[in-house]
């Protein structure tokens, strides 16, 4: 019954400049947006970076996510972020439900490094999970922010069954 959906990735960013007490946005010759897969840290297999540069301000957000794994009778996923703020969303259905601006995003605030419990044996369905890293930087009168997100929109449907050899049992995804 293992039905873990295909993961999804998205990103965004913006920049501006405060000039003579007036806000100026996105002068085309000084803005640059870069979004690339990056080398993963050990233990992670989904790794992305979003960079947004405006003038001398550069925001860089990185997200690292593991595959779901079993520990004891539980199903977990590991997450790590490099940025200013870190968010988790449960049960959203697409990227339009993630809203970010120069103050952060609308998700549940989490730490920069987390082990997330997806569920426990024997079987269950849990809502999908999405992680977003948001970063902000200013330099002089320039500022930039960006976000990068990764996760699964569809529910995790799984069946954890014991495979026993006395005296202990080990749980596996069925």
C-alpha atoms as a PDB file:
ATOM      1  CA  UNK A   1       0.000   0.000   0.000  1.00  0.00           C
ATOM      2  CA  UNK A   2       2.997   2.343  -0.125  1.00  0.00           C
ATOM      3  CA  UNK A   3       1.776   5.401  -2.045  1.00  0.00           C
ATOM      4  CA  UNK A   4       4.127   8.274  -1.474  1.00  0.00           C
ATOM      5  CA  UNK A   5       3.479  10.859  -4.166  1.00  0.00           C
ATOM      6  CA  UNK A   6       5.985  12.504  -6.490  1.00  0.00           C
ATOM      7  CA  UNK A   7       7.620  15.463  -4.722  1.00  0.00           C
ATOM      8  CA  UNK A   8       7.360  19.043  -5.966  1.00  0.00           C
ATOM      9  CA  UNK A   9       9.664  22.091  -5.936  1.00  0.00           C
ATOM     10  CA  UNK A  10       9.012  25.839  -6.263  1.00  0.00           C
ATOM     11  CA  UNK A  11      10.642  29.196  -5.487  1.00  0.00           C
ATOM     12  CA  UNK A  12      10.250  32.980  -5.598  1.00  0.00           C
ATOM     13  CA  UNK A  13      11.880  36.271  -4.672  1.00  0.00           C
ATOM     14  CA  UNK A  14      11.850  40.019  -4.920  1.00  0.00           C
ATOM     15  CA  UNK A  15      14.092  43.015  -4.378  1.00  0.00           C
ATOM     16  CA  UNK A  16      13.929  46.753  -4.003  1.00  0.00           C
ATOM     17  CA  UNK A  17      15.759  49.917  -3.137  1.00  0.00           C
ATOM     18  CA  UNK A  18      14.979  52.772  -0.785  1.00  0.00           C
ATOM     19  CA  UNK A  19      16.014  55.936  -2.623  1.00  0.00           C
ATOM     20  CA  UNK A  20      15.289  59.407  -1.194  1.00  0.00           C
ATOM     21  CA  UNK A  21      12.719  57.828   1.163  1.00  0.00           C
ATOM     22  CA  UNK A  22      10.866  56.334  -1.816  1.00  0.00           C
ATOM     23  CA  UNK A  23      10.731  52.616  -2.551  1.00  0.00           C
ATOM     24  CA  UNK A  24      12.000  51.631  -6.005  1.00  0.00           C
ATOM     25  CA  UNK A  25      11.441  48.045  -7.215  1.00  0.00           C
ATOM     26  CA  UNK A  26      13.285  45.806  -9.655  1.00  0.00           C
ATOM     27  CA  UNK A  27      15.438  47.965 -11.882  1.00  0.00           C
ATOM     28  CA  UNK A  28      16.149  45.379 -14.585  1.00  0.00           C
ATOM     29  CA  UNK A  29      19.875  46.000 -14.942  1.00  0.00           C
ATOM     30  CA  UNK A  30      20.667  45.247 -11.293  1.00  0.00           C
ATOM     31  CA  UNK A  31      18.440  42.263 -10.535  1.00  0.00           C
ATOM     32  CA  UNK A  32      19.365  38.624 -10.883  1.00  0.00           C
ATOM     33  CA  UNK A  33      17.458  35.481  -9.946  1.00  0.00           C
ATOM     34  CA  UNK A  34      19.176  32.094  -9.802  1.00  0.00           C
ATOM     35  CA  UNK A  35      17.546  28.794  -8.953  1.00  0.00           C
ATOM     36  CA  UNK A  36      19.522  25.572  -9.081  1.00  0.00           C
ATOM     37  CA  UNK A  37      19.708  22.087  -7.607  1.00  0.00           C
ATOM     38  CA  UNK A  38      22.695  21.960  -5.260  1.00  0.00           C
ATOM     39  CA  UNK A  39      25.003  19.295  -3.890  1.00  0.00           C
ATOM     40  CA  UNK A  40      23.186  17.505  -1.099  1.00  0.00           C
ATOM     41  CA  UNK A  41      24.451  17.174   2.432  1.00  0.00           C
ATOM     42  CA  UNK A  42      24.891  13.586   3.698  1.00  0.00           C
ATOM     43  CA  UNK A  43      21.516  11.999   4.484  1.00  0.00           C
ATOM     44  CA  UNK A  44      19.499  14.258   2.167  1.00  0.00           C
ATOM     45  CA  UNK A  45      18.456  13.545  -1.421  1.00  0.00           C
ATOM     46  CA  UNK A  46      16.296  16.555  -2.377  1.00  0.00           C
ATOM     47  CA  UNK A  47      18.349  19.755  -2.264  1.00  0.00           C
ATOM     48  CA  UNK A  48      17.590  23.139  -3.848  1.00  0.00           C
ATOM     49  CA  UNK A  49      18.811  26.717  -3.653  1.00  0.00           C
ATOM     50  CA  UNK A  50      17.185  30.004  -4.618  1.00  0.00           C
ATOM     51  CA  UNK A  51      19.324  33.155  -4.882  1.00  0.00           C
ATOM     52  CA  UNK A  52      17.944  36.633  -5.453  1.00  0.00           C
ATOM     53  CA  UNK A  53      20.321  39.567  -5.984  1.00  0.00           C
ATOM     54  CA  UNK A  54      19.250  43.191  -6.107  1.00  0.00           C
ATOM     55  CA  UNK A  55      22.042  45.765  -6.246  1.00  0.00           C
ATOM     56  CA  UNK A  56      24.404  44.835  -3.426  1.00  0.00           C
ATOM     57  CA  UNK A  57      21.807  42.810  -1.486  1.00  0.00           C
ATOM     58  CA  UNK A  58      21.810  39.038  -1.930  1.00  0.00           C
ATOM     59  CA  UNK A  59      19.315  36.611  -0.380  1.00  0.00           C
ATOM     60  CA  UNK A  60      20.063  32.870  -0.525  1.00  0.00           C
ATOM     61  CA  UNK A  61      17.637  30.156   0.657  1.00  0.00           C
ATOM     62  CA  UNK A  62      18.532  26.442   0.668  1.00  0.00           C
ATOM     63  CA  UNK A  63      16.326  23.455   1.469  1.00  0.00           C
ATOM     64  CA  UNK A  64      17.466  19.857   2.103  1.00  0.00           C
ATOM     65  CA  UNK A  65      14.971  16.963   2.517  1.00  0.00           C
ATOM     66  CA  UNK A  66      15.463  13.224   3.005  1.00  0.00           C
ATOM     67  CA  UNK A  67      13.313  10.400   1.722  1.00  0.00           C
ATOM     68  CA  UNK A  68      10.810   9.108   4.287  1.00  0.00           C
ATOM     69  CA  UNK A  69      12.382   6.404   6.463  1.00  0.00           C
ATOM     70  CA  UNK A  70      11.373   3.956   9.187  1.00  0.00           C
ATOM     71  CA  UNK A  71      12.722   4.116  12.721  1.00  0.00           C
ATOM     72  CA  UNK A  72      11.179   1.620  15.119  1.00  0.00           C
ATOM     73  CA  UNK A  73       7.432   1.716  14.382  1.00  0.00           C
ATOM     74  CA  UNK A  74       7.426   5.283  13.018  1.00  0.00           C
ATOM     75  CA  UNK A  75       7.789   6.896   9.605  1.00  0.00           C
ATOM     76  CA  UNK A  76       9.991  10.027   9.606  1.00  0.00           C
ATOM     77  CA  UNK A  77      11.481  12.572   7.228  1.00  0.00           C
ATOM     78  CA  UNK A  78      14.501  14.823   7.867  1.00  0.00           C
ATOM     79  CA  UNK A  79      14.605  18.469   6.856  1.00  0.00           C
ATOM     80  CA  UNK A  80      17.290  21.172   6.984  1.00  0.00           C
ATOM     81  CA  UNK A  81      17.231  24.771   5.817  1.00  0.00           C
ATOM     82  CA  UNK A  82      19.765  27.557   5.334  1.00  0.00           C
ATOM     83  CA  UNK A  83      18.130  30.992   5.461  1.00  0.00           C
ATOM     84  CA  UNK A  84      16.446  33.436   7.828  1.00  0.00           C
ATOM     85  CA  UNK A  85      13.093  31.714   8.530  1.00  0.00           C
ATOM     86  CA  UNK A  86      11.805  28.164   8.133  1.00  0.00           C
ATOM     87  CA  UNK A  87       8.251  26.921   7.531  1.00  0.00           C
ATOM     88  CA  UNK A  88       6.262  23.704   7.268  1.00  0.00           C
ATOM     89  CA  UNK A  89       2.883  23.213   5.593  1.00  0.00           C
ATOM     90  CA  UNK A  90       0.623  20.167   6.096  1.00  0.00           C
ATOM     91  CA  UNK A  91      -2.273  19.285   3.808  1.00  0.00           C
ATOM     92  CA  UNK A  92      -1.876  22.002   1.174  1.00  0.00           C
ATOM     93  CA  UNK A  93      -2.747  21.010  -2.388  1.00  0.00           C
ATOM     94  CA  UNK A  94      -0.514  23.265  -4.526  1.00  0.00           C
ATOM     95  CA  UNK A  95       2.080  26.039  -4.455  1.00  0.00           C
ATOM     96  CA  UNK A  96      -0.567  28.779  -4.656  1.00  0.00           C
ATOM     97  CA  UNK A  97      -1.230  28.163  -0.943  1.00  0.00           C
ATOM     98  CA  UNK A  98       2.327  29.246  -0.079  1.00  0.00           C
ATOM     99  CA  UNK A  99       2.450  33.018   0.291  1.00  0.00           C
ATOM    100  CA  UNK A 100       5.714  34.846   0.995  1.00  0.00           C
ATOM    101  CA  UNK A 101       6.673  38.517   1.098  1.00  0.00           C
ATOM    102  CA  UNK A 102       9.422  40.710   2.571  1.00  0.00           C
ATOM    103  CA  UNK A 103       8.333  39.715   6.120  1.00  0.00           C
ATOM    104  CA  UNK A 104       8.330  35.931   5.656  1.00  0.00           C
ATOM    105  CA  UNK A 105       5.804  33.255   4.691  1.00  0.00           C
ATOM    106  CA  UNK A 106       2.390  32.083   5.897  1.00  0.00           C
ATOM    107  CA  UNK A 107       3.333  28.561   7.052  1.00  0.00           C
ATOM    108  CA  UNK A 108       3.973  27.080  10.491  1.00  0.00           C
ATOM    109  CA  UNK A 109       7.357  28.281  11.781  1.00  0.00           C
ATOM    110  CA  UNK A 110       9.808  25.452  12.507  1.00  0.00           C
ATOM    111  CA  UNK A 111      13.501  25.202  13.350  1.00  0.00           C
ATOM    112  CA  UNK A 112      16.251  25.118  10.757  1.00  0.00           C
ATOM    113  CA  UNK A 113      16.888  21.398  11.279  1.00  0.00           C
ATOM    114  CA  UNK A 114      14.092  18.949  12.068  1.00  0.00           C
ATOM    115  CA  UNK A 115      13.150  15.290  12.219  1.00  0.00           C
ATOM    116  CA  UNK A 116       9.433  15.206  11.358  1.00  0.00           C
ATOM    117  CA  UNK A 117       7.156  12.321  12.382  1.00  0.00           C
ATOM    118  CA  UNK A 118       4.904  11.426   9.443  1.00  0.00           C
ATOM    119  CA  UNK A 119       3.011   8.644  11.223  1.00  0.00           C
ATOM    120  CA  UNK A 120       3.172   5.395  13.180  1.00  0.00           C
ATOM    121  CA  UNK A 121       2.452   1.691  12.588  1.00  0.00           C
ATOM    122  CA  UNK A 122       0.434  -0.148  11.542  1.00  0.00           C
ATOM    123  CA  UNK A 123      -1.027   1.910   8.693  1.00  0.00           C
ATOM    124  CA  UNK A 124      -2.451   5.309   8.079  1.00  0.00           C
ATOM    125  CA  UNK A 125      -2.793   8.206   5.702  1.00  0.00           C
ATOM    126  CA  UNK A 126      -1.153  11.506   6.611  1.00  0.00           C
ATOM    127  CA  UNK A 127      -1.529  14.836   4.814  1.00  0.00           C
ATOM    128  CA  UNK A 128       1.226  15.864   2.442  1.00  0.00           C
ATOM    129  CA  UNK A 129       4.090  17.944   3.784  1.00  0.00           C
ATOM    130  CA  UNK A 130       5.954  20.913   2.275  1.00  0.00           C
ATOM    131  CA  UNK A 131       9.030  22.728   3.628  1.00  0.00           C
ATOM    132  CA  UNK A 132       9.860  26.347   2.750  1.00  0.00           C
ATOM    133  CA  UNK A 133      13.040  28.291   3.556  1.00  0.00           C
ATOM    134  CA  UNK A 134      12.875  32.101   3.369  1.00  0.00           C
ATOM    135  CA  UNK A 135      15.862  34.462   3.391  1.00  0.00           C
ATOM    136  CA  UNK A 136      16.232  38.251   3.585  1.00  0.00           C
ATOM    137  CA  UNK A 137      19.273  40.479   3.157  1.00  0.00           C
ATOM    138  CA  UNK A 138      19.872  44.202   2.910  1.00  0.00           C
ATOM    139  CA  UNK A 139      22.966  46.139   1.980  1.00  0.00           C
ATOM    140  CA  UNK A 140      22.941  49.920   2.065  1.00  0.00           C
ATOM    141  CA  UNK A 141      19.642  51.020   0.561  1.00  0.00           C
ATOM    142  CA  UNK A 142      19.150  47.739  -1.368  1.00  0.00           C
ATOM    143  CA  UNK A 143      17.221  44.714  -0.100  1.00  0.00           C
ATOM    144  CA  UNK A 144      16.317  41.277  -1.413  1.00  0.00           C
ATOM    145  CA  UNK A 145      14.318  38.291  -0.216  1.00  0.00           C
ATOM    146  CA  UNK A 146      13.644  34.869  -1.652  1.00  0.00           C
ATOM    147  CA  UNK A 147      12.179  31.500  -0.789  1.00  0.00           C
ATOM    148  CA  UNK A 148      12.597  27.934  -1.915  1.00  0.00           C
ATOM    149  CA  UNK A 149      10.226  25.082  -1.149  1.00  0.00           C
ATOM    150  CA  UNK A 150      10.112  21.333  -1.508  1.00  0.00           C
ATOM    151  CA  UNK A 151       7.648  18.649  -0.514  1.00  0.00           C
ATOM    152  CA  UNK A 152       4.645  16.476  -1.274  1.00  0.00           C
ATOM    153  CA  UNK A 153       1.080  17.731  -1.788  1.00  0.00           C
ATOM    154  CA  UNK A 154      -0.683  14.370  -1.854  1.00  0.00           C
ATOM    155  CA  UNK A 155      -1.194  12.400   1.357  1.00  0.00           C
ATOM    156  CA  UNK A 156       1.278   9.774   2.502  1.00  0.00           C
ATOM    157  CA  UNK A 157      -0.604   6.474   2.394  1.00  0.00           C
ATOM    158  CA  UNK A 158       1.470   3.728   3.933  1.00  0.00           C
ATOM    159  CA  UNK A 159       1.264   0.408   5.691  1.00  0.00           C
ATOM    160  CA  UNK A 160       3.986  -0.412   8.222  1.00  0.00           C
ATOM    161  CA  UNK A 161       4.022  -4.168   8.866  1.00  0.00           C
ATOM    162  CA  UNK A 162       6.282  -6.116  11.176  1.00  0.00           C
ATOM    163  CA  UNK A 163       8.641  -8.728   9.777  1.00  0.00           C
ATOM    164  CA  UNK A 164       9.429 -10.782  12.833  1.00  0.00           C
ATOM    165  CA  UNK A 165      12.306 -12.983  13.798  1.00  0.00           C
ATOM    166  CA  UNK A 166      12.181 -13.875  17.453  1.00  0.00           C
ATOM    167  CA  UNK A 167      12.831 -12.188  19.764  1.00  0.00           C
ATOM    168  CA  UNK A 168      12.470  -8.904  17.831  1.00  0.00           C
ATOM    169  CA  UNK A 169      10.387  -7.466  15.012  1.00  0.00           C
ATOM    170  CA  UNK A 170      11.400  -4.949  12.351  1.00  0.00           C
ATOM    171  CA  UNK A 171       8.844  -2.771  10.580  1.00  0.00           C
ATOM    172  CA  UNK A 172       8.929  -2.284   6.799  1.00  0.00           C
ATOM    173  CA  UNK A 173       6.868  -0.325   4.302  1.00  0.00           C
ATOM    174  CA  UNK A 174       4.395  -2.627   2.539  1.00  0.00           C
END
